[in-house]
């Protein structure tokens, strides 16, 4: 049995997908291996296929791309206030 890795960074999982894709591993097998190491909630089969397609189309970056839209309302001050209330 393998030791599972809890709470991996998204870029870590995408890096594994990129690596396995370079080795010509099929998405279904990638899913099996990812679930074996990272657990059931690691990434859906559909998302794995999406990332495989992006890598096949030439993408090399495993990090999220910047998106426009509504800015986050979470600040350090807000986090501190919430932590204060639940402590």
PDB file of N, CA and C in Angstrom:
ATOM      1  N   UNK A   1       0.843  -1.187   0.000  1.00  0.00           N
ATOM      2  CA  UNK A   1       0.000   0.000   0.000  1.00  0.00           C
ATOM      3  C   UNK A   1       0.882   1.243   0.000  1.00  0.00           C
ATOM      4  N   UNK A   2       0.375   2.300  -0.632  1.00  0.00           N
ATOM      5  CA  UNK A   2       1.111   3.547  -0.733  1.00  0.00           C
ATOM      6  C   UNK A   2       0.681   4.504   0.363  1.00  0.00           C
ATOM      7  N   UNK A   3       1.557   5.417   0.686  1.00  0.00           N
ATOM      8  CA  UNK A   3       1.220   6.500   1.609  1.00  0.00           C
ATOM      9  C   UNK A   3       0.500   7.573   0.798  1.00  0.00           C
ATOM     10  N   UNK A   4      -0.647   8.012   1.274  1.00  0.00           N
ATOM     11  CA  UNK A   4      -1.383   9.036   0.548  1.00  0.00           C
ATOM     12  C   UNK A   4      -0.822  10.418   0.873  1.00  0.00           C
ATOM     13  N   UNK A   5      -0.984  11.317  -0.066  1.00  0.00           N
ATOM     14  CA  UNK A   5      -0.558  12.708   0.097  1.00  0.00           C
ATOM     15  C   UNK A   5      -1.817  13.539   0.255  1.00  0.00           C
ATOM     16  N   UNK A   6      -1.960  14.175   1.403  1.00  0.00           N
ATOM     17  CA  UNK A   6      -3.149  14.973   1.681  1.00  0.00           C
ATOM     18  C   UNK A   6      -2.980  16.398   1.181  1.00  0.00           C
ATOM     19  N   UNK A   7      -4.068  16.961   0.676  1.00  0.00           N
ATOM     20  CA  UNK A   7      -4.162  18.369   0.308  1.00  0.00           C
ATOM     21  C   UNK A   7      -3.027  18.841  -0.611  1.00  0.00           C
ATOM     22  N   UNK A   8      -2.882  18.217  -1.789  1.00  0.00           N
ATOM     23  CA  UNK A   8      -1.823  18.656  -2.696  1.00  0.00           C
ATOM     24  C   UNK A   8      -2.175  19.988  -3.352  1.00  0.00           C
ATOM     25  N   UNK A   9      -1.167  20.740  -3.728  1.00  0.00           N
ATOM     26  CA  UNK A   9      -1.391  21.966  -4.487  1.00  0.00           C
ATOM     27  C   UNK A   9      -1.887  21.589  -5.882  1.00  0.00           C
ATOM     28  N   UNK A  10      -2.745  22.430  -6.453  1.00  0.00           N
ATOM     29  CA  UNK A  10      -3.266  22.160  -7.793  1.00  0.00           C
ATOM     30  C   UNK A  10      -2.141  21.986  -8.808  1.00  0.00           C
ATOM     31  N   UNK A  11      -1.119  22.841  -8.689  1.00  0.00           N
ATOM     32  CA  UNK A  11      -0.012  22.765  -9.647  1.00  0.00           C
ATOM     33  C   UNK A  11       0.758  21.450  -9.512  1.00  0.00           C
ATOM     34  N   UNK A  12       0.771  20.873  -8.313  1.00  0.00           N
ATOM     35  CA  UNK A  12       1.442  19.579  -8.121  1.00  0.00           C
ATOM     36  C   UNK A  12       0.722  18.495  -8.909  1.00  0.00           C
ATOM     37  N   UNK A  13      -0.597  18.466  -8.795  1.00  0.00           N
ATOM     38  CA  UNK A  13      -1.392  17.454  -9.494  1.00  0.00           C
ATOM     39  C   UNK A  13      -1.261  17.650 -11.002  1.00  0.00           C
ATOM     40  N   UNK A  14      -1.297  18.894 -11.449  1.00  0.00           N
ATOM     41  CA  UNK A  14      -1.158  19.171 -12.886  1.00  0.00           C
ATOM     42  C   UNK A  14       0.219  18.776 -13.392  1.00  0.00           C
ATOM     43  N   UNK A  15       1.238  18.942 -12.555  1.00  0.00           N
ATOM     44  CA  UNK A  15       2.590  18.527 -12.942  1.00  0.00           C
ATOM     45  C   UNK A  15       2.659  17.014 -13.123  1.00  0.00           C
ATOM     46  N   UNK A  16       1.990  16.290 -12.252  1.00  0.00           N
ATOM     47  CA  UNK A  16       1.948  14.828 -12.374  1.00  0.00           C
ATOM     48  C   UNK A  16       1.226  14.446 -13.661  1.00  0.00           C
ATOM     49  N   UNK A  17       0.126  15.130 -13.968  1.00  0.00           N
ATOM     50  CA  UNK A  17      -0.622  14.859 -15.204  1.00  0.00           C
ATOM     51  C   UNK A  17       0.272  15.135 -16.413  1.00  0.00           C
ATOM     52  N   UNK A  18       0.992  16.237 -16.386  1.00  0.00           N
ATOM     53  CA  UNK A  18       1.888  16.577 -17.502  1.00  0.00           C
ATOM     54  C   UNK A  18       2.963  15.503 -17.673  1.00  0.00           C
ATOM     55  N   UNK A  19       3.539  15.057 -16.560  1.00  0.00           N
ATOM     56  CA  UNK A  19       4.559  14.017 -16.582  1.00  0.00           C
ATOM     57  C   UNK A  19       4.002  12.713 -17.154  1.00  0.00           C
ATOM     58  N   UNK A  20       2.857  12.272 -16.627  1.00  0.00           N
ATOM     59  CA  UNK A  20       2.260  11.021 -17.099  1.00  0.00           C
ATOM     60  C   UNK A  20       1.840  11.126 -18.561  1.00  0.00           C
ATOM     61  N   UNK A  21       1.368  12.297 -18.970  1.00  0.00           N
ATOM     62  CA  UNK A  21       0.982  12.506 -20.365  1.00  0.00           C
ATOM     63  C   UNK A  21       2.201  12.381 -21.278  1.00  0.00           C
ATOM     64  N   UNK A  22       3.346  12.907 -20.847  1.00  0.00           N
ATOM     65  CA  UNK A  22       4.573  12.789 -21.639  1.00  0.00           C
ATOM     66  C   UNK A  22       4.989  11.325 -21.791  1.00  0.00           C
ATOM     67  N   UNK A  23       4.618  10.500 -20.810  1.00  0.00           N
ATOM     68  CA  UNK A  23       4.920   9.060 -20.868  1.00  0.00           C
ATOM     69  C   UNK A  23       3.827   8.285 -21.607  1.00  0.00           C
ATOM     70  N   UNK A  24       2.872   9.017 -22.186  1.00  0.00           N
ATOM     71  CA  UNK A  24       1.768   8.426 -22.975  1.00  0.00           C
ATOM     72  C   UNK A  24       0.823   7.565 -22.136  1.00  0.00           C
ATOM     73  N   UNK A  25       0.672   7.920 -20.862  1.00  0.00           N
ATOM     74  CA  UNK A  25      -0.275   7.221 -19.994  1.00  0.00           C
ATOM     75  C   UNK A  25      -1.673   7.737 -20.326  1.00  0.00           C
ATOM     76  N   UNK A  26      -2.624   6.849 -20.461  1.00  0.00           N
ATOM     77  CA  UNK A  26      -4.009   7.216 -20.783  1.00  0.00           C
ATOM     78  C   UNK A  26      -4.659   7.939 -19.603  1.00  0.00           C
ATOM     79  N   UNK A  27      -5.582   8.882 -19.883  1.00  0.00           N
ATOM     80  CA  UNK A  27      -6.244   9.625 -18.800  1.00  0.00           C
ATOM     81  C   UNK A  27      -6.920   8.746 -17.752  1.00  0.00           C
ATOM     82  N   UNK A  28      -7.533   7.646 -18.154  1.00  0.00           N
ATOM     83  CA  UNK A  28      -8.185   6.761 -17.181  1.00  0.00           C
ATOM     84  C   UNK A  28      -7.164   6.172 -16.208  1.00  0.00           C
ATOM     85  N   UNK A  29      -5.987   5.820 -16.715  1.00  0.00           N
ATOM     86  CA  UNK A  29      -4.927   5.291 -15.856  1.00  0.00           C
ATOM     87  C   UNK A  29      -4.346   6.397 -14.979  1.00  0.00           C
ATOM     88  N   UNK A  30      -4.245   7.611 -15.521  1.00  0.00           N
ATOM     89  CA  UNK A  30      -3.801   8.750 -14.712  1.00  0.00           C
ATOM     90  C   UNK A  30      -4.741   8.930 -13.530  1.00  0.00           C
ATOM     91  N   UNK A  31      -6.039   8.867 -13.804  1.00  0.00           N
ATOM     92  CA  UNK A  31      -7.041   9.037 -12.758  1.00  0.00           C
ATOM     93  C   UNK A  31      -6.854   7.972 -11.675  1.00  0.00           C
ATOM     94  N   UNK A  32      -6.658   6.736 -12.076  1.00  0.00           N
ATOM     95  CA  UNK A  32      -6.472   5.651 -11.119  1.00  0.00           C
ATOM     96  C   UNK A  32      -5.256   5.912 -10.240  1.00  0.00           C
ATOM     97  N   UNK A  33      -4.151   6.321 -10.846  1.00  0.00           N
ATOM     98  CA  UNK A  33      -2.928   6.565 -10.093  1.00  0.00           C
ATOM     99  C   UNK A  33      -3.062   7.781  -9.178  1.00  0.00           C
ATOM    100  N   UNK A  34      -3.689   8.839  -9.669  1.00  0.00           N
ATOM    101  CA  UNK A  34      -3.870  10.039  -8.849  1.00  0.00           C
ATOM    102  C   UNK A  34      -4.744   9.744  -7.633  1.00  0.00           C
ATOM    103  N   UNK A  35      -5.824   9.011  -7.837  1.00  0.00           N
ATOM    104  CA  UNK A  35      -6.718   8.653  -6.727  1.00  0.00           C
ATOM    105  C   UNK A  35      -5.980   7.766  -5.724  1.00  0.00           C
ATOM    106  N   UNK A  36      -5.150   6.882  -6.218  1.00  0.00           N
ATOM    107  CA  UNK A  36      -4.396   5.984  -5.341  1.00  0.00           C
ATOM    108  C   UNK A  36      -3.487   6.766  -4.384  1.00  0.00           C
ATOM    109  N   UNK A  37      -2.871   7.823  -4.872  1.00  0.00           N
ATOM    110  CA  UNK A  37      -1.923   8.583  -4.062  1.00  0.00           C
ATOM    111  C   UNK A  37      -2.562   9.781  -3.354  1.00  0.00           C
ATOM    112  N   UNK A  38      -3.443  10.503  -4.049  1.00  0.00           N
ATOM    113  CA  UNK A  38      -4.001  11.742  -3.497  1.00  0.00           C
ATOM    114  C   UNK A  38      -5.398  11.595  -2.896  1.00  0.00           C
ATOM    115  N   UNK A  39      -6.043  10.475  -3.118  1.00  0.00           N
ATOM    116  CA  UNK A  39      -7.376  10.267  -2.568  1.00  0.00           C
ATOM    117  C   UNK A  39      -8.483  10.549  -3.583  1.00  0.00           C
ATOM    118  N   UNK A  40      -9.685  10.199  -3.210  1.00  0.00           N
ATOM    119  CA  UNK A  40     -10.847  10.261  -4.100  1.00  0.00           C
ATOM    120  C   UNK A  40     -11.168  11.659  -4.636  1.00  0.00           C
ATOM    121  N   UNK A  41     -10.870  12.695  -3.861  1.00  0.00           N
ATOM    122  CA  UNK A  41     -11.270  14.045  -4.248  1.00  0.00           C
ATOM    123  C   UNK A  41     -10.190  14.820  -4.983  1.00  0.00           C
ATOM    124  N   UNK A  42      -9.207  14.134  -5.530  1.00  0.00           N
ATOM    125  CA  UNK A  42      -8.068  14.826  -6.135  1.00  0.00           C
ATOM    126  C   UNK A  42      -8.477  15.643  -7.360  1.00  0.00           C
ATOM    127  N   UNK A  43      -9.084  15.040  -8.351  1.00  0.00           N
ATOM    128  CA  UNK A  43      -9.513  15.725  -9.569  1.00  0.00           C
ATOM    129  C   UNK A  43     -10.413  14.766 -10.334  1.00  0.00           C
ATOM    130  N   UNK A  44     -11.435  15.291 -10.966  1.00  0.00           N
ATOM    131  CA  UNK A  44     -12.348  14.424 -11.717  1.00  0.00           C
ATOM    132  C   UNK A  44     -11.677  13.925 -12.988  1.00  0.00           C
ATOM    133  N   UNK A  45     -12.197  12.833 -13.508  1.00  0.00           N
ATOM    134  CA  UNK A  45     -11.695  12.270 -14.752  1.00  0.00           C
ATOM    135  C   UNK A  45     -11.825  13.294 -15.884  1.00  0.00           C
ATOM    136  N   UNK A  46     -12.924  14.034 -15.893  1.00  0.00           N
ATOM    137  CA  UNK A  46     -13.144  15.047 -16.923  1.00  0.00           C
ATOM    138  C   UNK A  46     -12.109  16.160 -16.876  1.00  0.00           C
ATOM    139  N   UNK A  47     -11.747  16.583 -15.672  1.00  0.00           N
ATOM    140  CA  UNK A  47     -10.731  17.634 -15.536  1.00  0.00           C
ATOM    141  C   UNK A  47      -9.354  17.111 -15.945  1.00  0.00           C
ATOM    142  N   UNK A  48      -9.072  15.872 -15.648  1.00  0.00           N
ATOM    143  CA  UNK A  48      -7.805  15.277 -16.091  1.00  0.00           C
ATOM    144  C   UNK A  48      -7.735  15.303 -17.607  1.00  0.00           C
ATOM    145  N   UNK A  49      -8.832  14.900 -18.255  1.00  0.00           N
ATOM    146  CA  UNK A  49      -8.878  14.907 -19.723  1.00  0.00           C
ATOM    147  C   UNK A  49      -8.708  16.325 -20.275  1.00  0.00           C
ATOM    148  N   UNK A  50      -9.298  17.309 -19.594  1.00  0.00           N
ATOM    149  CA  UNK A  50      -9.164  18.704 -20.014  1.00  0.00           C
ATOM    150  C   UNK A  50      -7.697  19.137 -19.962  1.00  0.00           C
ATOM    151  N   UNK A  51      -7.013  18.801 -18.871  1.00  0.00           N
ATOM    152  CA  UNK A  51      -5.599  19.168 -18.739  1.00  0.00           C
ATOM    153  C   UNK A  51      -4.731  18.422 -19.740  1.00  0.00           C
ATOM    154  N   UNK A  52      -5.019  17.162 -19.985  1.00  0.00           N
ATOM    155  CA  UNK A  52      -4.276  16.390 -20.991  1.00  0.00           C
ATOM    156  C   UNK A  52      -4.418  17.081 -22.351  1.00  0.00           C
ATOM    157  N   UNK A  53      -5.641  17.486 -22.693  1.00  0.00           N
ATOM    158  CA  UNK A  53      -5.865  18.163 -23.975  1.00  0.00           C
ATOM    159  C   UNK A  53      -5.080  19.467 -24.052  1.00  0.00           C
ATOM    160  N   UNK A  54      -5.088  20.237 -22.964  1.00  0.00           N
ATOM    161  CA  UNK A  54      -4.335  21.494 -22.958  1.00  0.00           C
ATOM    162  C   UNK A  54      -2.839  21.249 -23.128  1.00  0.00           C
ATOM    163  N   UNK A  55      -2.306  20.240 -22.449  1.00  0.00           N
ATOM    164  CA  UNK A  55      -0.886  19.925 -22.601  1.00  0.00           C
ATOM    165  C   UNK A  55      -0.594  19.437 -24.023  1.00  0.00           C
ATOM    166  N   UNK A  56      -1.492  18.653 -24.584  1.00  0.00           N
ATOM    167  CA  UNK A  56      -1.313  18.188 -25.969  1.00  0.00           C
ATOM    168  C   UNK A  56      -1.371  19.350 -26.956  1.00  0.00           C
ATOM    169  N   UNK A  57      -2.116  20.392 -26.603  1.00  0.00           N
ATOM    170  CA  UNK A  57      -2.225  21.579 -27.457  1.00  0.00           C
ATOM    171  C   UNK A  57      -1.044  22.535 -27.285  1.00  0.00           C
ATOM    172  N   UNK A  58      -0.097  22.185 -26.420  1.00  0.00           N
ATOM    173  CA  UNK A  58       1.102  22.980 -26.279  1.00  0.00           C
ATOM    174  C   UNK A  58       1.270  23.727 -24.970  1.00  0.00           C
ATOM    175  N   UNK A  59       0.284  23.658 -24.103  1.00  0.00           N
ATOM    176  CA  UNK A  59       0.429  24.335 -22.814  1.00  0.00           C
ATOM    177  C   UNK A  59       1.551  23.680 -22.012  1.00  0.00           C
ATOM    178  N   UNK A  60       2.360  24.512 -21.354  1.00  0.00           N
ATOM    179  CA  UNK A  60       3.430  23.992 -20.510  1.00  0.00           C
ATOM    180  C   UNK A  60       3.293  24.462 -19.068  1.00  0.00           C
ATOM    181  N   UNK A  61       2.538  25.520 -18.848  1.00  0.00           N
ATOM    182  CA  UNK A  61       2.380  26.099 -17.514  1.00  0.00           C
ATOM    183  C   UNK A  61       1.356  25.295 -16.713  1.00  0.00           C
ATOM    184  N   UNK A  62       1.729  24.885 -15.509  1.00  0.00           N
ATOM    185  CA  UNK A  62       0.821  24.112 -14.660  1.00  0.00           C
ATOM    186  C   UNK A  62       0.108  24.990 -13.634  1.00  0.00           C
ATOM    187  N   UNK A  63       0.401  26.281 -13.652  1.00  0.00           N
ATOM    188  CA  UNK A  63      -0.202  27.208 -12.692  1.00  0.00           C
ATOM    189  C   UNK A  63      -1.461  27.850 -13.268  1.00  0.00           C
ATOM    190  N   UNK A  64      -2.357  28.305 -12.392  1.00  0.00           N
ATOM    191  CA  UNK A  64      -3.560  28.994 -12.819  1.00  0.00           C
ATOM    192  C   UNK A  64      -3.196  30.272 -13.549  1.00  0.00           C
ATOM    193  N   UNK A  65      -3.962  30.579 -14.576  1.00  0.00           N
ATOM    194  CA  UNK A  65      -3.763  31.835 -15.280  1.00  0.00           C
ATOM    195  C   UNK A  65      -4.573  32.916 -14.590  1.00  0.00           C
ATOM    196  N   UNK A  66      -4.066  34.135 -14.644  1.00  0.00           N
ATOM    197  CA  UNK A  66      -4.782  35.257 -14.034  1.00  0.00           C
ATOM    198  C   UNK A  66      -6.123  35.437 -14.735  1.00  0.00           C
ATOM    199  N   UNK A  67      -7.136  35.731 -13.942  1.00  0.00           N
ATOM    200  CA  UNK A  67      -8.474  35.941 -14.500  1.00  0.00           C
ATOM    201  C   UNK A  67      -8.971  37.312 -14.077  1.00  0.00           C
ATOM    202  N   UNK A  68      -9.707  37.925 -14.968  1.00  0.00           N
ATOM    203  CA  UNK A  68     -10.324  39.196 -14.609  1.00  0.00           C
ATOM    204  C   UNK A  68     -11.650  38.903 -13.926  1.00  0.00           C
ATOM    205  N   UNK A  69     -12.165  39.875 -13.265  1.00  0.00           N
ATOM    206  CA  UNK A  69     -13.439  39.680 -12.601  1.00  0.00           C
ATOM    207  C   UNK A  69     -13.465  40.375 -11.267  1.00  0.00           C
ATOM    208  N   UNK A  70     -14.408  39.996 -10.498  1.00  0.00           N
ATOM    209  CA  UNK A  70     -14.614  40.618  -9.203  1.00  0.00           C
ATOM    210  C   UNK A  70     -13.448  40.286  -8.273  1.00  0.00           C
ATOM    211  N   UNK A  71     -12.854  41.299  -7.668  1.00  0.00           N
ATOM    212  CA  UNK A  71     -11.743  41.029  -6.752  1.00  0.00           C
ATOM    213  C   UNK A  71     -12.218  40.370  -5.464  1.00  0.00           C
ATOM    214  N   UNK A  72     -11.332  39.681  -4.822  1.00  0.00           N
ATOM    215  CA  UNK A  72     -11.646  39.016  -3.570  1.00  0.00           C
ATOM    216  C   UNK A  72     -11.900  40.042  -2.473  1.00  0.00           C
ATOM    217  N   UNK A  73     -12.859  39.746  -1.608  1.00  0.00           N
ATOM    218  CA  UNK A  73     -13.146  40.639  -0.481  1.00  0.00           C
ATOM    219  C   UNK A  73     -12.456  40.158   0.786  1.00  0.00           C
ATOM    220  N   UNK A  74     -11.723  39.062   0.688  1.00  0.00           N
ATOM    221  CA  UNK A  74     -11.032  38.516   1.849  1.00  0.00           C
ATOM    222  C   UNK A  74      -9.728  39.282   2.053  1.00  0.00           C
ATOM    223  N   UNK A  75      -9.534  39.758   3.266  1.00  0.00           N
ATOM    224  CA  UNK A  75      -8.299  40.464   3.608  1.00  0.00           C
ATOM    225  C   UNK A  75      -7.742  39.860   4.886  1.00  0.00           C
ATOM    226  N   UNK A  76      -6.515  40.219   5.206  1.00  0.00           N
ATOM    227  CA  UNK A  76      -5.911  39.726   6.444  1.00  0.00           C
ATOM    228  C   UNK A  76      -6.726  40.167   7.656  1.00  0.00           C
ATOM    229  N   UNK A  77      -7.245  41.391   7.606  1.00  0.00           N
ATOM    230  CA  UNK A  77      -8.061  41.905   8.706  1.00  0.00           C
ATOM    231  C   UNK A  77      -9.339  41.108   8.885  1.00  0.00           C
ATOM    232  N   UNK A  78      -9.991  40.765   7.776  1.00  0.00           N
ATOM    233  CA  UNK A  78     -11.221  39.984   7.841  1.00  0.00           C
ATOM    234  C   UNK A  78     -10.939  38.588   8.395  1.00  0.00           C
ATOM    235  N   UNK A  79      -9.862  37.976   7.963  1.00  0.00           N
ATOM    236  CA  UNK A  79      -9.487  36.651   8.469  1.00  0.00           C
ATOM    237  C   UNK A  79      -9.232  36.716   9.968  1.00  0.00           C
ATOM    238  N   UNK A  80      -8.548  37.759  10.412  1.00  0.00           N
ATOM    239  CA  UNK A  80      -8.261  37.922  11.840  1.00  0.00           C
ATOM    240  C   UNK A  80      -9.551  38.066  12.635  1.00  0.00           C
ATOM    241  N   UNK A  81     -10.513  38.847  12.103  1.00  0.00           N
ATOM    242  CA  UNK A  81     -11.793  39.031  12.799  1.00  0.00           C
ATOM    243  C   UNK A  81     -12.563  37.722  12.899  1.00  0.00           C
ATOM    244  N   UNK A  82     -12.571  36.962  11.831  1.00  0.00           N
ATOM    245  CA  UNK A  82     -13.277  35.666  11.834  1.00  0.00           C
ATOM    246  C   UNK A  82     -12.617  34.725  12.843  1.00  0.00           C
ATOM    247  N   UNK A  83     -11.297  34.661  12.803  1.00  0.00           N
ATOM    248  CA  UNK A  83     -10.580  33.802  13.746  1.00  0.00           C
ATOM    249  C   UNK A  83     -10.841  34.208  15.188  1.00  0.00           C
ATOM    250  N   UNK A  84     -10.947  35.504  15.413  1.00  0.00           N
ATOM    251  CA  UNK A  84     -11.235  36.035  16.756  1.00  0.00           C
ATOM    252  C   UNK A  84     -12.621  35.577  17.237  1.00  0.00           C
ATOM    253  N   UNK A  85     -13.595  35.579  16.322  1.00  0.00           N
ATOM    254  CA  UNK A  85     -14.965  35.196  16.664  1.00  0.00           C
ATOM    255  C   UNK A  85     -15.096  33.704  16.951  1.00  0.00           C
ATOM    256  N   UNK A  86     -14.333  32.891  16.237  1.00  0.00           N
ATOM    257  CA  UNK A  86     -14.493  31.438  16.431  1.00  0.00           C
ATOM    258  C   UNK A  86     -13.570  30.887  17.501  1.00  0.00           C
ATOM    259  N   UNK A  87     -12.690  31.694  18.036  1.00  0.00           N
ATOM    260  CA  UNK A  87     -11.778  31.219  19.081  1.00  0.00           C
ATOM    261  C   UNK A  87     -12.418  31.267  20.437  1.00  0.00           C
TER     262      UNK A  87
END
